[in-house]
Amino acid sequence: MIAFAAVLAVAGVTEGAPIPVSSYAPVGSTVLNHTFAPDPDRVKLTDGVFPTGLTYSSAGWVGFGTSVKYVTLDFDLGSVNTVGSVEVYYLCADADLARPSRMRVYGSTDGTFAGTGWGSNSDAGLPTTAADFGVANFPDTYKFGNPSTRSAQDVLLTLTTPLNARYVRVVFDHFTNGTLDGNNLWVGEVGFFQPIPEPATLALLSMGALALIRRRRA
């Protein structure tokens, strides 16, 4: 049964294997001490708990206020990994608590990153990256004046070019029209996954699982 389940899992794979996060920390002027949704122990974003409440003070969310335009976080994966996709779970609650308008992802094997102005109100010194996701990648169901459309959104974003990194730096933009207009950002989880195996690799894995079934039956 285990081998047969493995075949089914491989056939229906939608993401690579999850990559554990050892720790994370804010960068620059980014802070984790928002009054309504603090994260003093730096655990909420990677504890595997997806918040279900849809308000500012609901448990489990990490709040980023309006003092920093480019919220920047460093995630330590513990060892060098190949990162193929990033998961983000965020809250759409009202006109002042909005989805990310952009997310950029960078990788480093030793914790050093080129560029300047990380975690500040200017991105002029940030380097370009192939892992750059615009607002269209972040659904938003909230409609002004209709609280019933509040929602928590979970997106899995695939990197065009996988990162070979131990340290992953994530930069969230949470403003519109080029200015900091009062939008807050509430994030519940950030996760990293290995690339999805190529079809040929999936076929080989399936064949291996089937061979295991035959040997057990014999």
C-alpha atoms as a PDB file:
ATOM      1  CA  MET A   1       0.000   0.000   0.000  1.00  0.00           C
ATOM      2  CA  ILE A   2       2.847   2.404   0.774  1.00  0.00           C
ATOM      3  CA  ALA A   3       4.473   1.904  -2.623  1.00  0.00           C
ATOM      4  CA  PHE A   4       1.127   2.245  -4.426  1.00  0.00           C
ATOM      5  CA  ALA A   5       0.450   5.472  -2.514  1.00  0.00           C
ATOM      6  CA  ALA A   6       3.866   6.695  -3.573  1.00  0.00           C
ATOM      7  CA  VAL A   7       2.930   6.164  -7.223  1.00  0.00           C
ATOM      8  CA  LEU A   8      -0.257   8.170  -6.746  1.00  0.00           C
ATOM      9  CA  ALA A   9       1.593  10.948  -4.961  1.00  0.00           C
ATOM     10  CA  VAL A  10       4.190  11.193  -7.710  1.00  0.00           C
ATOM     11  CA  ALA A  11       1.547  11.198 -10.435  1.00  0.00           C
ATOM     12  CA  GLY A  12      -0.327  14.081  -8.839  1.00  0.00           C
ATOM     13  CA  VAL A  13       2.593  16.139  -7.556  1.00  0.00           C
ATOM     14  CA  THR A  14       1.932  19.894  -7.546  1.00  0.00           C
ATOM     15  CA  GLU A  15       4.965  21.155  -5.625  1.00  0.00           C
ATOM     16  CA  GLY A  16       8.426  20.000  -4.646  1.00  0.00           C
ATOM     17  CA  ALA A  17       9.446  18.769  -1.226  1.00  0.00           C
ATOM     18  CA  PRO A  18       9.154  21.381   1.543  1.00  0.00           C
ATOM     19  CA  ILE A  19      12.393  22.941   2.806  1.00  0.00           C
ATOM     20  CA  PRO A  20      12.546  23.489   6.589  1.00  0.00           C
ATOM     21  CA  VAL A  21      13.460  26.966   7.844  1.00  0.00           C
ATOM     22  CA  SER A  22      15.876  27.188  10.765  1.00  0.00           C
ATOM     23  CA  SER A  23      15.199  30.827  11.577  1.00  0.00           C
ATOM     24  CA  TYR A  24      14.316  34.198  10.115  1.00  0.00           C
ATOM     25  CA  ALA A  25      15.029  37.832  10.919  1.00  0.00           C
ATOM     26  CA  PRO A  26      13.976  41.317   9.809  1.00  0.00           C
ATOM     27  CA  VAL A  27      16.388  43.369   7.705  1.00  0.00           C
ATOM     28  CA  GLY A  28      17.071  47.105   7.885  1.00  0.00           C
ATOM     29  CA  SER A  29      14.168  49.085   9.317  1.00  0.00           C
ATOM     30  CA  THR A  30      11.747  46.161   9.037  1.00  0.00           C
ATOM     31  CA  VAL A  31      10.312  45.294  12.457  1.00  0.00           C
ATOM     32  CA  LEU A  32       8.297  42.404  13.923  1.00  0.00           C
ATOM     33  CA  ASN A  33       6.696  44.284  16.815  1.00  0.00           C
ATOM     34  CA  HIS A  34       3.437  45.621  15.387  1.00  0.00           C
ATOM     35  CA  THR A  35       0.963  46.454  18.169  1.00  0.00           C
ATOM     36  CA  PHE A  36      -1.825  44.228  16.813  1.00  0.00           C
ATOM     37  CA  ALA A  37       0.234  41.356  15.368  1.00  0.00           C
ATOM     38  CA  PRO A  38       3.738  41.124  16.852  1.00  0.00           C
ATOM     39  CA  ASP A  39       6.181  38.261  16.349  1.00  0.00           C
ATOM     40  CA  PRO A  40       8.754  38.755  19.129  1.00  0.00           C
ATOM     41  CA  ASP A  41       9.954  35.130  19.055  1.00  0.00           C
ATOM     42  CA  ARG A  42      10.278  35.040  15.247  1.00  0.00           C
ATOM     43  CA  VAL A  43       8.298  31.823  14.846  1.00  0.00           C
ATOM     44  CA  LYS A  44       4.867  32.671  13.420  1.00  0.00           C
ATOM     45  CA  LEU A  45       5.866  32.819   9.757  1.00  0.00           C
ATOM     46  CA  THR A  46       7.304  29.299   9.647  1.00  0.00           C
ATOM     47  CA  ASP A  47       5.439  27.353  12.348  1.00  0.00           C
ATOM     48  CA  GLY A  48       3.072  25.641   9.893  1.00  0.00           C
ATOM     49  CA  VAL A  49       0.012  27.252  11.499  1.00  0.00           C
ATOM     50  CA  PHE A  50      -2.227  29.061   9.014  1.00  0.00           C
ATOM     51  CA  PRO A  51      -4.313  31.725  10.820  1.00  0.00           C
ATOM     52  CA  THR A  52      -8.066  31.515  10.300  1.00  0.00           C
ATOM     53  CA  GLY A  53      -9.158  34.827  11.829  1.00  0.00           C
ATOM     54  CA  LEU A  54      -9.701  37.710   9.418  1.00  0.00           C
ATOM     55  CA  THR A  55      -9.073  40.791  11.569  1.00  0.00           C
ATOM     56  CA  TYR A  56      -6.069  42.883  12.615  1.00  0.00           C
ATOM     57  CA  SER A  57      -5.837  41.184  16.007  1.00  0.00           C
ATOM     58  CA  SER A  58      -6.590  37.599  14.966  1.00  0.00           C
ATOM     59  CA  ALA A  59      -4.052  35.124  16.323  1.00  0.00           C
ATOM     60  CA  GLY A  60      -1.200  33.904  14.155  1.00  0.00           C
ATOM     61  CA  TRP A  61      -0.677  36.878  11.849  1.00  0.00           C
ATOM     62  CA  VAL A  62       2.506  38.931  11.634  1.00  0.00           C
ATOM     63  CA  GLY A  63       1.804  42.611  10.972  1.00  0.00           C
ATOM     64  CA  PHE A  64       3.912  45.040   8.985  1.00  0.00           C
ATOM     65  CA  GLY A  65       2.835  48.651   9.336  1.00  0.00           C
ATOM     66  CA  THR A  66       3.293  51.705   7.200  1.00  0.00           C
ATOM     67  CA  SER A  67       6.739  52.854   8.355  1.00  0.00           C
ATOM     68  CA  VAL A  68       8.698  50.780   5.798  1.00  0.00           C
ATOM     69  CA  LYS A  69       7.763  50.472   2.141  1.00  0.00           C
ATOM     70  CA  TYR A  70       9.994  47.490   1.377  1.00  0.00           C
ATOM     71  CA  VAL A  71       9.472  44.895   4.105  1.00  0.00           C
ATOM     72  CA  THR A  72      12.564  42.670   4.020  1.00  0.00           C
ATOM     73  CA  LEU A  73      13.082  39.316   5.748  1.00  0.00           C
ATOM     74  CA  ASP A  74      15.986  36.867   5.735  1.00  0.00           C
ATOM     75  CA  PHE A  75      15.223  33.140   6.041  1.00  0.00           C
ATOM     76  CA  ASP A  76      17.952  30.673   7.037  1.00  0.00           C
ATOM     77  CA  LEU A  77      17.299  27.211   5.588  1.00  0.00           C
ATOM     78  CA  GLY A  78      20.030  25.625   7.693  1.00  0.00           C
ATOM     79  CA  SER A  79      21.990  24.334   4.697  1.00  0.00           C
ATOM     80  CA  VAL A  80      22.262  25.022   0.991  1.00  0.00           C
ATOM     81  CA  ASN A  81      19.095  23.958  -0.838  1.00  0.00           C
ATOM     82  CA  THR A  82      17.607  24.357  -4.286  1.00  0.00           C
ATOM     83  CA  VAL A  83      14.539  26.567  -3.936  1.00  0.00           C
ATOM     84  CA  GLY A  84      11.974  26.155  -6.714  1.00  0.00           C
ATOM     85  CA  SER A  85       8.912  27.889  -5.287  1.00  0.00           C
ATOM     86  CA  VAL A  86       7.759  30.155  -2.466  1.00  0.00           C
ATOM     87  CA  GLU A  87       4.453  29.987  -0.607  1.00  0.00           C
ATOM     88  CA  VAL A  88       2.888  33.104   0.926  1.00  0.00           C
ATOM     89  CA  TYR A  89      -0.240  33.179   3.090  1.00  0.00           C
ATOM     90  CA  TYR A  90      -1.603  36.700   3.582  1.00  0.00           C
ATOM     91  CA  LEU A  91      -4.696  38.572   4.730  1.00  0.00           C
ATOM     92  CA  CYS A  92      -7.077  40.745   2.697  1.00  0.00           C
ATOM     93  CA  ALA A  93      -9.221  42.439   5.336  1.00  0.00           C
ATOM     94  CA  ASP A  94     -10.025  46.005   4.317  1.00  0.00           C
ATOM     95  CA  ALA A  95      -8.859  48.930   2.232  1.00  0.00           C
ATOM     96  CA  ASP A  96      -6.053  49.571   4.725  1.00  0.00           C
ATOM     97  CA  LEU A  97      -4.919  45.959   5.069  1.00  0.00           C
ATOM     98  CA  ALA A  98      -4.024  44.796   1.599  1.00  0.00           C
ATOM     99  CA  ARG A  99      -2.230  42.134  -0.408  1.00  0.00           C
ATOM    100  CA  PRO A 100       1.437  42.529  -1.356  1.00  0.00           C
ATOM    101  CA  SER A 101       1.836  44.659  -4.462  1.00  0.00           C
ATOM    102  CA  ARG A 102       5.123  42.959  -5.325  1.00  0.00           C
ATOM    103  CA  MET A 103       7.506  40.313  -3.972  1.00  0.00           C
ATOM    104  CA  ARG A 104      11.168  39.817  -4.842  1.00  0.00           C
ATOM    105  CA  VAL A 105      13.229  36.807  -3.803  1.00  0.00           C
ATOM    106  CA  TYR A 106      17.024  36.608  -3.563  1.00  0.00           C
ATOM    107  CA  GLY A 107      19.370  33.783  -2.606  1.00  0.00           C
ATOM    108  CA  SER A 108      22.803  33.539  -0.978  1.00  0.00           C
ATOM    109  CA  THR A 109      24.952  30.627   0.142  1.00  0.00           C
ATOM    110  CA  ASP A 110      26.811  32.618   2.815  1.00  0.00           C
ATOM    111  CA  GLY A 111      24.327  35.252   3.973  1.00  0.00           C
ATOM    112  CA  THR A 112      25.768  38.168   2.024  1.00  0.00           C
ATOM    113  CA  PHE A 113      23.657  40.104  -0.500  1.00  0.00           C
ATOM    114  CA  ALA A 114      24.731  42.739  -2.977  1.00  0.00           C
ATOM    115  CA  GLY A 115      22.848  46.026  -3.097  1.00  0.00           C
ATOM    116  CA  THR A 116      21.936  48.783  -0.652  1.00  0.00           C
ATOM    117  CA  GLY A 117      18.835  50.119   1.047  1.00  0.00           C
ATOM    118  CA  TRP A 118      17.441  46.782   2.167  1.00  0.00           C
ATOM    119  CA  GLY A 119      14.400  47.140   4.425  1.00  0.00           C
ATOM    120  CA  SER A 120      13.947  50.849   3.793  1.00  0.00           C
ATOM    121  CA  ASN A 121      11.669  53.271   1.954  1.00  0.00           C
ATOM    122  CA  SER A 122      13.659  53.159  -1.278  1.00  0.00           C
ATOM    123  CA  ASP A 123      14.448  50.249  -3.559  1.00  0.00           C
ATOM    124  CA  ALA A 124      16.871  52.182  -5.760  1.00  0.00           C
ATOM    125  CA  GLY A 125      19.829  50.168  -4.467  1.00  0.00           C
ATOM    126  CA  LEU A 126      18.208  46.730  -4.692  1.00  0.00           C
ATOM    127  CA  PRO A 127      19.582  44.427  -7.392  1.00  0.00           C
ATOM    128  CA  THR A 128      17.352  42.940 -10.050  1.00  0.00           C
ATOM    129  CA  THR A 129      16.239  39.334  -9.679  1.00  0.00           C
ATOM    130  CA  ALA A 130      14.564  36.747 -11.881  1.00  0.00           C
ATOM    131  CA  ALA A 131      12.275  35.943  -8.937  1.00  0.00           C
ATOM    132  CA  ASP A 132      10.120  39.062  -9.170  1.00  0.00           C
ATOM    133  CA  PHE A 133       6.351  38.700  -8.711  1.00  0.00           C
ATOM    134  CA  GLY A 134       3.914  41.553  -9.370  1.00  0.00           C
ATOM    135  CA  VAL A 135       0.537  42.336  -7.840  1.00  0.00           C
ATOM    136  CA  ALA A 136      -1.306  40.089 -10.324  1.00  0.00           C
ATOM    137  CA  ASN A 137       0.195  37.081  -8.523  1.00  0.00           C
ATOM    138  CA  PHE A 138      -1.595  38.003  -5.280  1.00  0.00           C
ATOM    139  CA  PRO A 139      -5.400  37.627  -5.422  1.00  0.00           C
ATOM    140  CA  ASP A 140      -7.483  40.124  -3.468  1.00  0.00           C
ATOM    141  CA  THR A 141     -11.142  39.368  -2.712  1.00  0.00           C
ATOM    142  CA  TYR A 142     -11.852  42.365  -0.489  1.00  0.00           C
ATOM    143  CA  LYS A 143     -14.371  44.872  -1.802  1.00  0.00           C
ATOM    144  CA  PHE A 144     -14.652  48.218  -0.033  1.00  0.00           C
ATOM    145  CA  GLY A 145     -17.723  48.380   2.199  1.00  0.00           C
ATOM    146  CA  ASN A 146     -18.369  44.632   2.067  1.00  0.00           C
ATOM    147  CA  PRO A 147     -16.648  42.866   4.981  1.00  0.00           C
ATOM    148  CA  SER A 148     -18.026  39.494   3.865  1.00  0.00           C
ATOM    149  CA  THR A 149     -15.354  39.427   1.191  1.00  0.00           C
ATOM    150  CA  ARG A 150     -12.495  39.421   3.671  1.00  0.00           C
ATOM    151  CA  SER A 151     -10.241  36.446   3.048  1.00  0.00           C
ATOM    152  CA  ALA A 152      -6.931  34.771   3.712  1.00  0.00           C
ATOM    153  CA  GLN A 153      -5.107  33.951   0.495  1.00  0.00           C
ATOM    154  CA  ASP A 154      -2.527  31.214  -0.040  1.00  0.00           C
ATOM    155  CA  VAL A 155      -0.332  31.438  -3.149  1.00  0.00           C
ATOM    156  CA  LEU A 156       2.482  29.213  -4.390  1.00  0.00           C
ATOM    157  CA  LEU A 157       4.808  31.084  -6.741  1.00  0.00           C
ATOM    158  CA  THR A 158       7.267  29.200  -8.944  1.00  0.00           C
ATOM    159  CA  LEU A 159      10.694  30.701  -9.534  1.00  0.00           C
ATOM    160  CA  THR A 160      11.662  30.930 -13.197  1.00  0.00           C
ATOM    161  CA  THR A 161      15.227  30.118 -12.185  1.00  0.00           C
ATOM    162  CA  PRO A 162      15.589  28.036  -8.991  1.00  0.00           C
ATOM    163  CA  LEU A 163      17.831  29.475  -6.291  1.00  0.00           C
ATOM    164  CA  ASN A 164      20.770  27.544  -4.901  1.00  0.00           C
ATOM    165  CA  ALA A 165      20.901  29.063  -1.441  1.00  0.00           C
ATOM    166  CA  ARG A 166      21.016  28.627   2.293  1.00  0.00           C
ATOM    167  CA  TYR A 167      19.768  32.156   2.945  1.00  0.00           C
ATOM    168  CA  VAL A 168      16.688  33.482   1.167  1.00  0.00           C
ATOM    169  CA  ARG A 169      15.872  37.188   1.278  1.00  0.00           C
ATOM    170  CA  VAL A 170      12.244  38.125   0.590  1.00  0.00           C
ATOM    171  CA  VAL A 171      11.207  41.714  -0.129  1.00  0.00           C
ATOM    172  CA  PHE A 172       7.511  42.611   0.031  1.00  0.00           C
ATOM    173  CA  ASP A 173       6.174  45.860  -1.419  1.00  0.00           C
ATOM    174  CA  HIS A 174       2.906  46.786   0.281  1.00  0.00           C
ATOM    175  CA  PHE A 175       1.991  50.113  -1.224  1.00  0.00           C
ATOM    176  CA  THR A 176       0.432  51.386  -4.440  1.00  0.00           C
ATOM    177  CA  ASN A 177       0.893  54.230  -6.876  1.00  0.00           C
ATOM    178  CA  GLY A 178       4.548  54.560  -5.938  1.00  0.00           C
ATOM    179  CA  THR A 179       3.867  55.975  -2.473  1.00  0.00           C
ATOM    180  CA  LEU A 180       3.284  54.608   0.985  1.00  0.00           C
ATOM    181  CA  ASP A 181      -0.468  55.156   1.130  1.00  0.00           C
ATOM    182  CA  GLY A 182      -1.419  53.566   4.435  1.00  0.00           C
ATOM    183  CA  ASN A 183      -1.706  49.943   3.348  1.00  0.00           C
ATOM    184  CA  ASN A 184      -0.622  47.487   6.034  1.00  0.00           C
ATOM    185  CA  LEU A 185       0.545  43.954   5.272  1.00  0.00           C
ATOM    186  CA  TRP A 186      -0.457  40.914   7.355  1.00  0.00           C
ATOM    187  CA  VAL A 187       1.380  37.643   6.617  1.00  0.00           C
ATOM    188  CA  GLY A 188       0.649  34.283   8.239  1.00  0.00           C
ATOM    189  CA  GLU A 189       3.114  31.866   6.639  1.00  0.00           C
ATOM    190  CA  VAL A 190       6.082  31.858   4.270  1.00  0.00           C
ATOM    191  CA  GLY A 191       7.341  28.524   2.952  1.00  0.00           C
ATOM    192  CA  PHE A 192       9.951  27.247   0.530  1.00  0.00           C
ATOM    193  CA  PHE A 193       9.908  24.180  -1.694  1.00  0.00           C
ATOM    194  CA  GLN A 194      12.318  22.303  -3.888  1.00  0.00           C
ATOM    195  CA  PRO A 195      11.674  22.342  -7.650  1.00  0.00           C
ATOM    196  CA  ILE A 196       9.073  19.930  -8.992  1.00  0.00           C
ATOM    197  CA  PRO A 197      10.859  16.948 -10.579  1.00  0.00           C
ATOM    198  CA  GLU A 198      10.938  16.848 -14.366  1.00  0.00           C
ATOM    199  CA  PRO A 199       8.439  14.471 -16.058  1.00  0.00           C
ATOM    200  CA  ALA A 200      11.219  12.015 -16.880  1.00  0.00           C
ATOM    201  CA  THR A 201      12.269  11.928 -13.227  1.00  0.00           C
ATOM    202  CA  LEU A 202       8.664  11.424 -12.144  1.00  0.00           C
ATOM    203  CA  ALA A 203       8.379   8.503 -14.559  1.00  0.00           C
ATOM    204  CA  LEU A 204      11.503   6.881 -13.130  1.00  0.00           C
ATOM    205  CA  LEU A 205      10.225   7.327  -9.587  1.00  0.00           C
ATOM    206  CA  SER A 206       6.902   5.762 -10.550  1.00  0.00           C
ATOM    207  CA  MET A 207       8.654   2.818 -12.214  1.00  0.00           C
ATOM    208  CA  GLY A 208      10.753   2.296  -9.107  1.00  0.00           C
ATOM    209  CA  ALA A 209       7.666   2.300  -6.901  1.00  0.00           C
ATOM    210  CA  LEU A 210       5.922  -0.202  -9.188  1.00  0.00           C
ATOM    211  CA  ALA A 211       8.993  -2.436  -9.132  1.00  0.00           C
ATOM    212  CA  LEU A 212       8.879  -2.364  -5.329  1.00  0.00           C
ATOM    213  CA  ILE A 213       5.240  -3.468  -5.430  1.00  0.00           C
ATOM    214  CA  ARG A 214       6.117  -6.414  -7.678  1.00  0.00           C
ATOM    215  CA  ARG A 215       8.970  -7.533  -5.427  1.00  0.00           C
ATOM    216  CA  ARG A 216       6.723  -7.418  -2.370  1.00  0.00           C
ATOM    217  CA  ARG A 217       4.023  -9.425  -4.120  1.00  0.00           C
ATOM    218  CA  ALA A 218       6.598 -11.989  -5.210  1.00  0.00           C
END
